[in-house]
Amino acid sequence: MTDLDIRRATLSDIDAVLRFWREAAEGTSITDDHDGVARLISRDPEALLLAERDGRITGTVIAGFDGWRCSAYRLAVHPDCRRQGIATALMDAAERRFAALGGRRVDAMVLESNTRAHHTWGATGYHREEHWRRWVKPL
């Protein structure tokens, strides 16, 4: 995977990231807009990781750490680039970031209906905890 570059996103990447998510990611979020991504990058410039090949985004993951929990969001790989180790490379980078920050466990948000993602997460050593459910309230 020597031709794959993993780097942190910058504010100039926002439009490309949003286009990428519309094409490659499952589901949408209330924060999938320019302001939401700009807030993420401004608050934690190391959190949004991009995988690129030949200057083109091939994958993303948000590796958020709030000082208490490590959270992985928006792990997405372009449909033309799947099964090439990109998700694994992104999660390896995210896990290195978490370890350097003192994190001890990673929580991942994974859509119930995205069975392809279930296989990806399982292959990278993650497991589903049956006793938890996410509770949300839009502000």
N, C-alpha and C. Protein backbone atom coordinates (compact mmCIF):
# COMPACT_ATOMS: atom_id res chain seq x y z
N MET A 1 0.84 -1.18 0.00
CA MET A 1 0.00 0.00 0.00
C MET A 1 0.88 1.25 0.00
N THR A 2 2.00 1.19 -0.62
CA THR A 2 2.95 2.30 -0.60
C THR A 2 2.45 3.52 -1.36
N ASP A 3 1.47 3.36 -2.24
CA ASP A 3 0.95 4.51 -2.97
C ASP A 3 -0.19 5.20 -2.24
N LEU A 4 -0.51 4.77 -1.05
CA LEU A 4 -1.59 5.35 -0.26
C LEU A 4 -1.00 6.35 0.73
N ASP A 5 -1.55 7.54 0.74
CA ASP A 5 -1.12 8.58 1.67
C ASP A 5 -2.25 8.83 2.65
N ILE A 6 -1.95 8.81 3.94
CA ILE A 6 -2.95 9.14 4.95
C ILE A 6 -2.50 10.43 5.60
N ARG A 7 -3.41 11.40 5.61
CA ARG A 7 -3.09 12.71 6.18
C ARG A 7 -4.33 13.29 6.86
N ARG A 8 -4.10 14.33 7.63
CA ARG A 8 -5.23 15.00 8.28
C ARG A 8 -5.87 15.96 7.29
N ALA A 9 -7.16 16.12 7.40
CA ALA A 9 -7.89 17.04 6.54
C ALA A 9 -7.64 18.48 6.99
N THR A 10 -7.73 19.38 6.04
CA THR A 10 -7.64 20.81 6.33
C THR A 10 -8.95 21.47 5.90
N LEU A 11 -9.11 22.72 6.24
CA LEU A 11 -10.32 23.44 5.87
C LEU A 11 -10.52 23.46 4.36
N SER A 12 -9.44 23.47 3.60
CA SER A 12 -9.57 23.50 2.14
C SER A 12 -10.08 22.17 1.57
N ASP A 13 -10.13 21.12 2.37
CA ASP A 13 -10.62 19.81 1.92
C ASP A 13 -12.13 19.63 2.10
N ILE A 14 -12.80 20.53 2.78
CA ILE A 14 -14.18 20.30 3.19
C ILE A 14 -15.10 19.95 2.03
N ASP A 15 -15.09 20.72 0.97
CA ASP A 15 -16.01 20.44 -0.14
C ASP A 15 -15.74 19.08 -0.76
N ALA A 16 -14.46 18.73 -0.91
CA ALA A 16 -14.12 17.41 -1.47
C ALA A 16 -14.56 16.29 -0.53
N VAL A 17 -14.42 16.49 0.77
CA VAL A 17 -14.86 15.48 1.74
C VAL A 17 -16.36 15.29 1.68
N LEU A 18 -17.11 16.36 1.61
CA LEU A 18 -18.57 16.26 1.54
C LEU A 18 -19.01 15.55 0.25
N ARG A 19 -18.36 15.86 -0.86
CA ARG A 19 -18.67 15.15 -2.12
C ARG A 19 -18.34 13.66 -1.98
N PHE A 20 -17.19 13.37 -1.36
CA PHE A 20 -16.77 11.99 -1.17
C PHE A 20 -17.80 11.23 -0.32
N TRP A 21 -18.24 11.82 0.78
CA TRP A 21 -19.20 11.15 1.64
C TRP A 21 -20.51 10.88 0.92
N ARG A 22 -20.96 11.81 0.07
CA ARG A 22 -22.20 11.58 -0.68
C ARG A 22 -22.07 10.37 -1.59
N GLU A 23 -20.87 10.12 -2.08
CA GLU A 23 -20.64 9.00 -2.99
C GLU A 23 -20.28 7.71 -2.27
N ALA A 24 -19.54 7.79 -1.18
CA ALA A 24 -18.93 6.60 -0.59
C ALA A 24 -19.49 6.19 0.76
N ALA A 25 -20.09 7.10 1.50
CA ALA A 25 -20.52 6.80 2.87
C ALA A 25 -21.97 6.35 2.89
N GLU A 26 -22.30 5.54 3.88
CA GLU A 26 -23.68 5.10 4.10
C GLU A 26 -24.32 6.05 5.10
N GLY A 27 -25.55 6.42 4.84
CA GLY A 27 -26.27 7.28 5.78
C GLY A 27 -25.79 8.71 5.75
N THR A 28 -26.55 9.56 6.42
CA THR A 28 -26.19 10.97 6.53
C THR A 28 -26.30 11.39 7.98
N SER A 29 -25.71 12.51 8.27
CA SER A 29 -25.71 13.04 9.62
C SER A 29 -26.14 14.50 9.58
N ILE A 30 -26.65 14.98 10.67
CA ILE A 30 -27.06 16.37 10.78
C ILE A 30 -25.86 17.32 10.60
N THR A 31 -24.67 16.81 10.82
CA THR A 31 -23.46 17.63 10.71
C THR A 31 -22.72 17.45 9.38
N ASP A 32 -23.35 16.79 8.43
CA ASP A 32 -22.73 16.60 7.11
C ASP A 32 -22.94 17.84 6.25
N ASP A 33 -22.34 18.94 6.70
CA ASP A 33 -22.39 20.17 5.93
C ASP A 33 -21.08 20.92 6.15
N HIS A 34 -20.90 22.00 5.40
CA HIS A 34 -19.63 22.74 5.45
C HIS A 34 -19.33 23.22 6.87
N ASP A 35 -20.33 23.81 7.52
CA ASP A 35 -20.11 24.34 8.87
C ASP A 35 -19.76 23.23 9.87
N GLY A 36 -20.44 22.09 9.77
CA GLY A 36 -20.16 20.99 10.68
C GLY A 36 -18.75 20.45 10.55
N VAL A 37 -18.31 20.26 9.32
CA VAL A 37 -16.96 19.73 9.10
C VAL A 37 -15.91 20.80 9.46
N ALA A 38 -16.20 22.06 9.16
CA ALA A 38 -15.27 23.14 9.53
C ALA A 38 -15.10 23.21 11.04
N ARG A 39 -16.21 23.04 11.77
CA ARG A 39 -16.14 23.05 13.25
C ARG A 39 -15.28 21.90 13.76
N LEU A 40 -15.46 20.72 13.16
CA LEU A 40 -14.65 19.57 13.56
C LEU A 40 -13.16 19.85 13.35
N ILE A 41 -12.81 20.30 12.15
CA ILE A 41 -11.40 20.53 11.83
C ILE A 41 -10.82 21.65 12.69
N SER A 42 -11.59 22.69 12.93
CA SER A 42 -11.10 23.81 13.74
C SER A 42 -10.91 23.40 15.19
N ARG A 43 -11.81 22.58 15.71
CA ARG A 43 -11.72 22.15 17.11
C ARG A 43 -10.63 21.11 17.33
N ASP A 44 -10.50 20.18 16.38
CA ASP A 44 -9.52 19.11 16.52
C ASP A 44 -8.90 18.83 15.14
N PRO A 45 -7.88 19.57 14.78
CA PRO A 45 -7.30 19.48 13.44
C PRO A 45 -6.73 18.11 13.06
N GLU A 46 -6.54 17.24 14.03
CA GLU A 46 -5.98 15.91 13.75
C GLU A 46 -7.06 14.84 13.60
N ALA A 47 -8.33 15.17 13.81
CA ALA A 47 -9.37 14.15 13.92
C ALA A 47 -9.81 13.56 12.58
N LEU A 48 -9.96 14.37 11.56
CA LEU A 48 -10.47 13.87 10.28
C LEU A 48 -9.29 13.42 9.42
N LEU A 49 -9.19 12.10 9.25
CA LEU A 49 -8.10 11.51 8.48
C LEU A 49 -8.58 11.16 7.08
N LEU A 50 -7.76 11.48 6.10
CA LEU A 50 -8.06 11.18 4.70
C LEU A 50 -7.04 10.20 4.16
N ALA A 51 -7.51 9.21 3.43
CA ALA A 51 -6.63 8.34 2.64
C ALA A 51 -6.71 8.85 1.21
N GLU A 52 -5.55 9.03 0.60
CA GLU A 52 -5.50 9.52 -0.77
C GLU A 52 -4.59 8.64 -1.61
N ARG A 53 -4.96 8.54 -2.86
CA ARG A 53 -4.12 7.88 -3.84
C ARG A 53 -4.11 8.79 -5.07
N ASP A 54 -2.92 9.18 -5.50
CA ASP A 54 -2.77 10.09 -6.65
C ASP A 54 -3.58 11.37 -6.45
N GLY A 55 -3.61 11.89 -5.21
CA GLY A 55 -4.30 13.14 -4.92
C GLY A 55 -5.81 13.04 -4.84
N ARG A 56 -6.36 11.85 -4.95
CA ARG A 56 -7.81 11.62 -4.91
C ARG A 56 -8.18 10.96 -3.58
N ILE A 57 -9.22 11.45 -2.92
CA ILE A 57 -9.66 10.86 -1.66
C ILE A 57 -10.20 9.46 -1.94
N THR A 58 -9.66 8.48 -1.25
CA THR A 58 -10.13 7.09 -1.38
C THR A 58 -10.79 6.60 -0.10
N GLY A 59 -10.61 7.32 1.02
CA GLY A 59 -11.20 6.90 2.28
C GLY A 59 -11.12 7.99 3.33
N THR A 60 -11.98 7.87 4.34
CA THR A 60 -11.98 8.81 5.47
C THR A 60 -12.29 8.07 6.76
N VAL A 61 -11.87 8.67 7.84
CA VAL A 61 -12.35 8.29 9.17
C VAL A 61 -12.19 9.50 10.07
N ILE A 62 -13.17 9.68 10.95
CA ILE A 62 -13.04 10.69 11.99
C ILE A 62 -12.60 9.96 13.24
N ALA A 63 -11.44 10.33 13.75
CA ALA A 63 -10.86 9.72 14.95
C ALA A 63 -10.94 10.74 16.08
N GLY A 64 -12.11 10.79 16.71
CA GLY A 64 -12.35 11.80 17.74
C GLY A 64 -11.96 11.31 19.12
N PHE A 65 -11.37 12.20 19.90
CA PHE A 65 -11.02 11.88 21.28
C PHE A 65 -11.37 13.08 22.14
N ASP A 66 -12.18 12.86 23.15
CA ASP A 66 -12.62 13.96 24.01
C ASP A 66 -11.91 13.97 25.36
N GLY A 67 -10.85 13.18 25.49
CA GLY A 67 -10.14 13.07 26.75
C GLY A 67 -10.64 11.92 27.59
N TRP A 68 -11.79 11.37 27.23
CA TRP A 68 -12.40 10.27 27.95
C TRP A 68 -12.58 9.06 27.05
N ARG A 69 -13.13 9.29 25.86
CA ARG A 69 -13.42 8.19 24.94
C ARG A 69 -12.83 8.45 23.57
N CYS A 70 -12.43 7.37 22.93
CA CYS A 70 -12.00 7.39 21.54
C CYS A 70 -13.19 6.96 20.70
N SER A 71 -13.53 7.75 19.71
CA SER A 71 -14.70 7.45 18.88
C SER A 71 -14.33 7.51 17.41
N ALA A 72 -14.75 6.50 16.67
CA ALA A 72 -14.51 6.44 15.23
C ALA A 72 -15.83 6.65 14.51
N TYR A 73 -15.83 7.59 13.61
CA TYR A 73 -17.01 7.92 12.81
C TYR A 73 -16.59 8.02 11.35
N ARG A 74 -17.55 7.88 10.48
CA ARG A 74 -17.38 8.15 9.06
C ARG A 74 -16.23 7.38 8.41
N LEU A 75 -16.05 6.12 8.84
CA LEU A 75 -15.12 5.26 8.13
C LEU A 75 -15.79 4.93 6.80
N ALA A 76 -15.22 5.42 5.73
CA ALA A 76 -15.79 5.23 4.39
C ALA A 76 -14.66 5.04 3.39
N VAL A 77 -14.89 4.13 2.46
CA VAL A 77 -13.93 3.88 1.38
C VAL A 77 -14.70 3.97 0.07
N HIS A 78 -14.09 4.61 -0.91
CA HIS A 78 -14.74 4.77 -2.21
C HIS A 78 -15.09 3.38 -2.77
N PRO A 79 -16.28 3.24 -3.35
CA PRO A 79 -16.70 1.92 -3.87
C PRO A 79 -15.69 1.29 -4.84
N ASP A 80 -14.99 2.09 -5.63
CA ASP A 80 -14.01 1.54 -6.57
C ASP A 80 -12.72 1.09 -5.90
N CYS A 81 -12.56 1.41 -4.62
CA CYS A 81 -11.29 1.14 -3.93
C CYS A 81 -11.43 0.18 -2.76
N ARG A 82 -12.59 -0.41 -2.61
CA ARG A 82 -12.82 -1.30 -1.46
C ARG A 82 -12.04 -2.60 -1.61
N ARG A 83 -11.80 -3.23 -0.47
CA ARG A 83 -11.08 -4.51 -0.38
C ARG A 83 -9.62 -4.37 -0.83
N GLN A 84 -9.05 -3.20 -0.56
CA GLN A 84 -7.65 -2.93 -0.88
C GLN A 84 -6.84 -2.55 0.36
N GLY A 85 -7.44 -2.70 1.54
CA GLY A 85 -6.74 -2.40 2.79
C GLY A 85 -6.82 -0.95 3.23
N ILE A 86 -7.64 -0.15 2.56
CA ILE A 86 -7.71 1.28 2.90
C ILE A 86 -8.36 1.48 4.27
N ALA A 87 -9.46 0.79 4.55
CA ALA A 87 -10.12 0.92 5.86
C ALA A 87 -9.17 0.49 6.97
N THR A 88 -8.45 -0.59 6.74
CA THR A 88 -7.49 -1.05 7.75
C THR A 88 -6.40 -0.02 7.97
N ALA A 89 -5.88 0.57 6.90
CA ALA A 89 -4.83 1.59 7.02
C ALA A 89 -5.35 2.82 7.77
N LEU A 90 -6.58 3.22 7.46
CA LEU A 90 -7.16 4.36 8.17
C LEU A 90 -7.34 4.06 9.65
N MET A 91 -7.85 2.88 9.98
CA MET A 91 -8.04 2.54 11.38
C MET A 91 -6.72 2.36 12.11
N ASP A 92 -5.71 1.85 11.44
CA ASP A 92 -4.38 1.78 12.06
C ASP A 92 -3.90 3.19 12.43
N ALA A 93 -4.09 4.15 11.51
CA ALA A 93 -3.69 5.53 11.79
C ALA A 93 -4.51 6.11 12.94
N ALA A 94 -5.82 5.84 12.93
CA ALA A 94 -6.69 6.33 14.00
C ALA A 94 -6.27 5.74 15.35
N GLU A 95 -5.99 4.45 15.36
CA GLU A 95 -5.60 3.79 16.61
C GLU A 95 -4.25 4.31 17.12
N ARG A 96 -3.32 4.61 16.23
CA ARG A 96 -2.05 5.22 16.65
C ARG A 96 -2.32 6.59 17.29
N ARG A 97 -3.19 7.36 16.69
CA ARG A 97 -3.56 8.67 17.26
C ARG A 97 -4.15 8.50 18.65
N PHE A 98 -5.10 7.57 18.77
CA PHE A 98 -5.74 7.34 20.07
C PHE A 98 -4.72 6.91 21.12
N ALA A 99 -3.84 5.99 20.77
CA ALA A 99 -2.84 5.50 21.73
C ALA A 99 -1.93 6.65 22.17
N ALA A 100 -1.53 7.49 21.23
CA ALA A 100 -0.66 8.63 21.57
C ALA A 100 -1.35 9.61 22.50
N LEU A 101 -2.67 9.69 22.42
CA LEU A 101 -3.44 10.59 23.28
C LEU A 101 -3.81 9.95 24.62
N GLY A 102 -3.47 8.67 24.80
CA GLY A 102 -3.78 7.98 26.05
C GLY A 102 -5.11 7.24 26.04
N GLY A 103 -5.71 7.10 24.88
CA GLY A 103 -6.98 6.39 24.78
C GLY A 103 -6.82 4.92 25.12
N ARG A 104 -7.91 4.31 25.60
CA ARG A 104 -7.85 2.91 26.01
C ARG A 104 -8.85 2.01 25.32
N ARG A 105 -9.83 2.58 24.66
CA ARG A 105 -10.82 1.78 23.93
C ARG A 105 -11.43 2.65 22.85
N VAL A 106 -11.74 2.03 21.72
CA VAL A 106 -12.37 2.76 20.62
C VAL A 106 -13.81 2.33 20.49
N ASP A 107 -14.70 3.30 20.42
CA ASP A 107 -16.10 3.06 20.11
C ASP A 107 -16.32 3.47 18.65
N ALA A 108 -17.06 2.67 17.92
CA ALA A 108 -17.35 2.98 16.53
C ALA A 108 -18.85 3.06 16.31
N MET A 109 -19.29 4.07 15.60
CA MET A 109 -20.69 4.21 15.22
C MET A 109 -20.86 3.51 13.88
N VAL A 110 -21.68 2.46 13.85
CA VAL A 110 -21.87 1.67 12.64
C VAL A 110 -23.37 1.48 12.42
N LEU A 111 -23.84 1.81 11.23
CA LEU A 111 -25.26 1.64 10.93
C LEU A 111 -25.66 0.18 11.02
N GLU A 112 -26.80 -0.09 11.65
CA GLU A 112 -27.31 -1.45 11.75
C GLU A 112 -27.51 -2.09 10.38
N SER A 113 -27.99 -1.32 9.43
CA SER A 113 -28.31 -1.87 8.11
C SER A 113 -27.10 -2.04 7.20
N ASN A 114 -25.95 -1.54 7.60
CA ASN A 114 -24.76 -1.60 6.75
C ASN A 114 -23.95 -2.87 7.05
N THR A 115 -24.44 -3.99 6.56
CA THR A 115 -23.79 -5.27 6.87
C THR A 115 -22.39 -5.35 6.29
N ARG A 116 -22.13 -4.67 5.18
CA ARG A 116 -20.77 -4.64 4.62
C ARG A 116 -19.81 -4.04 5.65
N ALA A 117 -20.26 -2.99 6.33
CA ALA A 117 -19.43 -2.36 7.35
C ALA A 117 -19.21 -3.29 8.54
N HIS A 118 -20.23 -4.09 8.88
CA HIS A 118 -20.08 -5.03 9.99
C HIS A 118 -18.91 -5.97 9.73
N HIS A 119 -18.79 -6.43 8.51
CA HIS A 119 -17.68 -7.33 8.14
C HIS A 119 -16.34 -6.59 8.23
N THR A 120 -16.32 -5.36 7.76
CA THR A 120 -15.08 -4.56 7.81
C THR A 120 -14.63 -4.36 9.24
N TRP A 121 -15.56 -3.94 10.10
CA TRP A 121 -15.19 -3.71 11.50
C TRP A 121 -14.75 -5.00 12.17
N GLY A 122 -15.45 -6.09 11.91
CA GLY A 122 -15.08 -7.37 12.50
C GLY A 122 -13.70 -7.82 12.06
N ALA A 123 -13.38 -7.57 10.80
CA ALA A 123 -12.06 -7.97 10.27
C ALA A 123 -10.92 -7.17 10.90
N THR A 124 -11.23 -5.99 11.44
CA THR A 124 -10.18 -5.19 12.06
C THR A 124 -10.15 -5.34 13.58
N GLY A 125 -10.89 -6.35 14.11
CA GLY A 125 -10.79 -6.68 15.52
C GLY A 125 -11.87 -6.09 16.40
N TYR A 126 -12.86 -5.42 15.83
CA TYR A 126 -13.92 -4.82 16.61
C TYR A 126 -15.09 -5.81 16.74
N HIS A 127 -15.87 -5.63 17.80
CA HIS A 127 -17.06 -6.47 17.98
C HIS A 127 -18.22 -5.61 18.45
N ARG A 128 -19.40 -6.07 18.15
CA ARG A 128 -20.61 -5.35 18.52
C ARG A 128 -20.98 -5.67 19.96
N GLU A 129 -21.35 -4.64 20.70
CA GLU A 129 -21.86 -4.83 22.05
C GLU A 129 -23.38 -4.76 21.99
N GLU A 130 -24.02 -5.86 22.31
CA GLU A 130 -25.47 -5.97 22.19
C GLU A 130 -26.23 -5.17 23.24
N HIS A 131 -25.60 -4.87 24.34
CA HIS A 131 -26.34 -4.26 25.45
C HIS A 131 -26.42 -2.73 25.37
N TRP A 132 -25.88 -2.10 24.32
CA TRP A 132 -25.92 -0.65 24.18
C TRP A 132 -26.83 -0.24 23.04
N ARG A 133 -27.47 0.87 23.17
CA ARG A 133 -28.20 1.53 22.11
C ARG A 133 -27.89 3.01 22.19
N ARG A 134 -27.81 3.63 21.06
CA ARG A 134 -27.52 5.05 20.99
C ARG A 134 -28.80 5.85 21.20
N TRP A 135 -28.74 6.87 22.05
CA TRP A 135 -29.84 7.77 22.27
C TRP A 135 -29.41 9.15 21.76
N VAL A 136 -30.25 9.81 20.99
CA VAL A 136 -29.87 11.10 20.42
C VAL A 136 -30.99 12.13 20.57
N LYS A 137 -30.61 13.38 20.52
CA LYS A 137 -31.55 14.49 20.51
C LYS A 137 -30.93 15.62 19.70
N PRO A 138 -31.45 15.89 18.52
CA PRO A 138 -30.94 17.03 17.75
C PRO A 138 -31.12 18.33 18.51
N LEU A 139 -30.16 19.21 18.41
CA LEU A 139 -30.24 20.52 19.08
C LEU A 139 -30.71 21.59 18.12
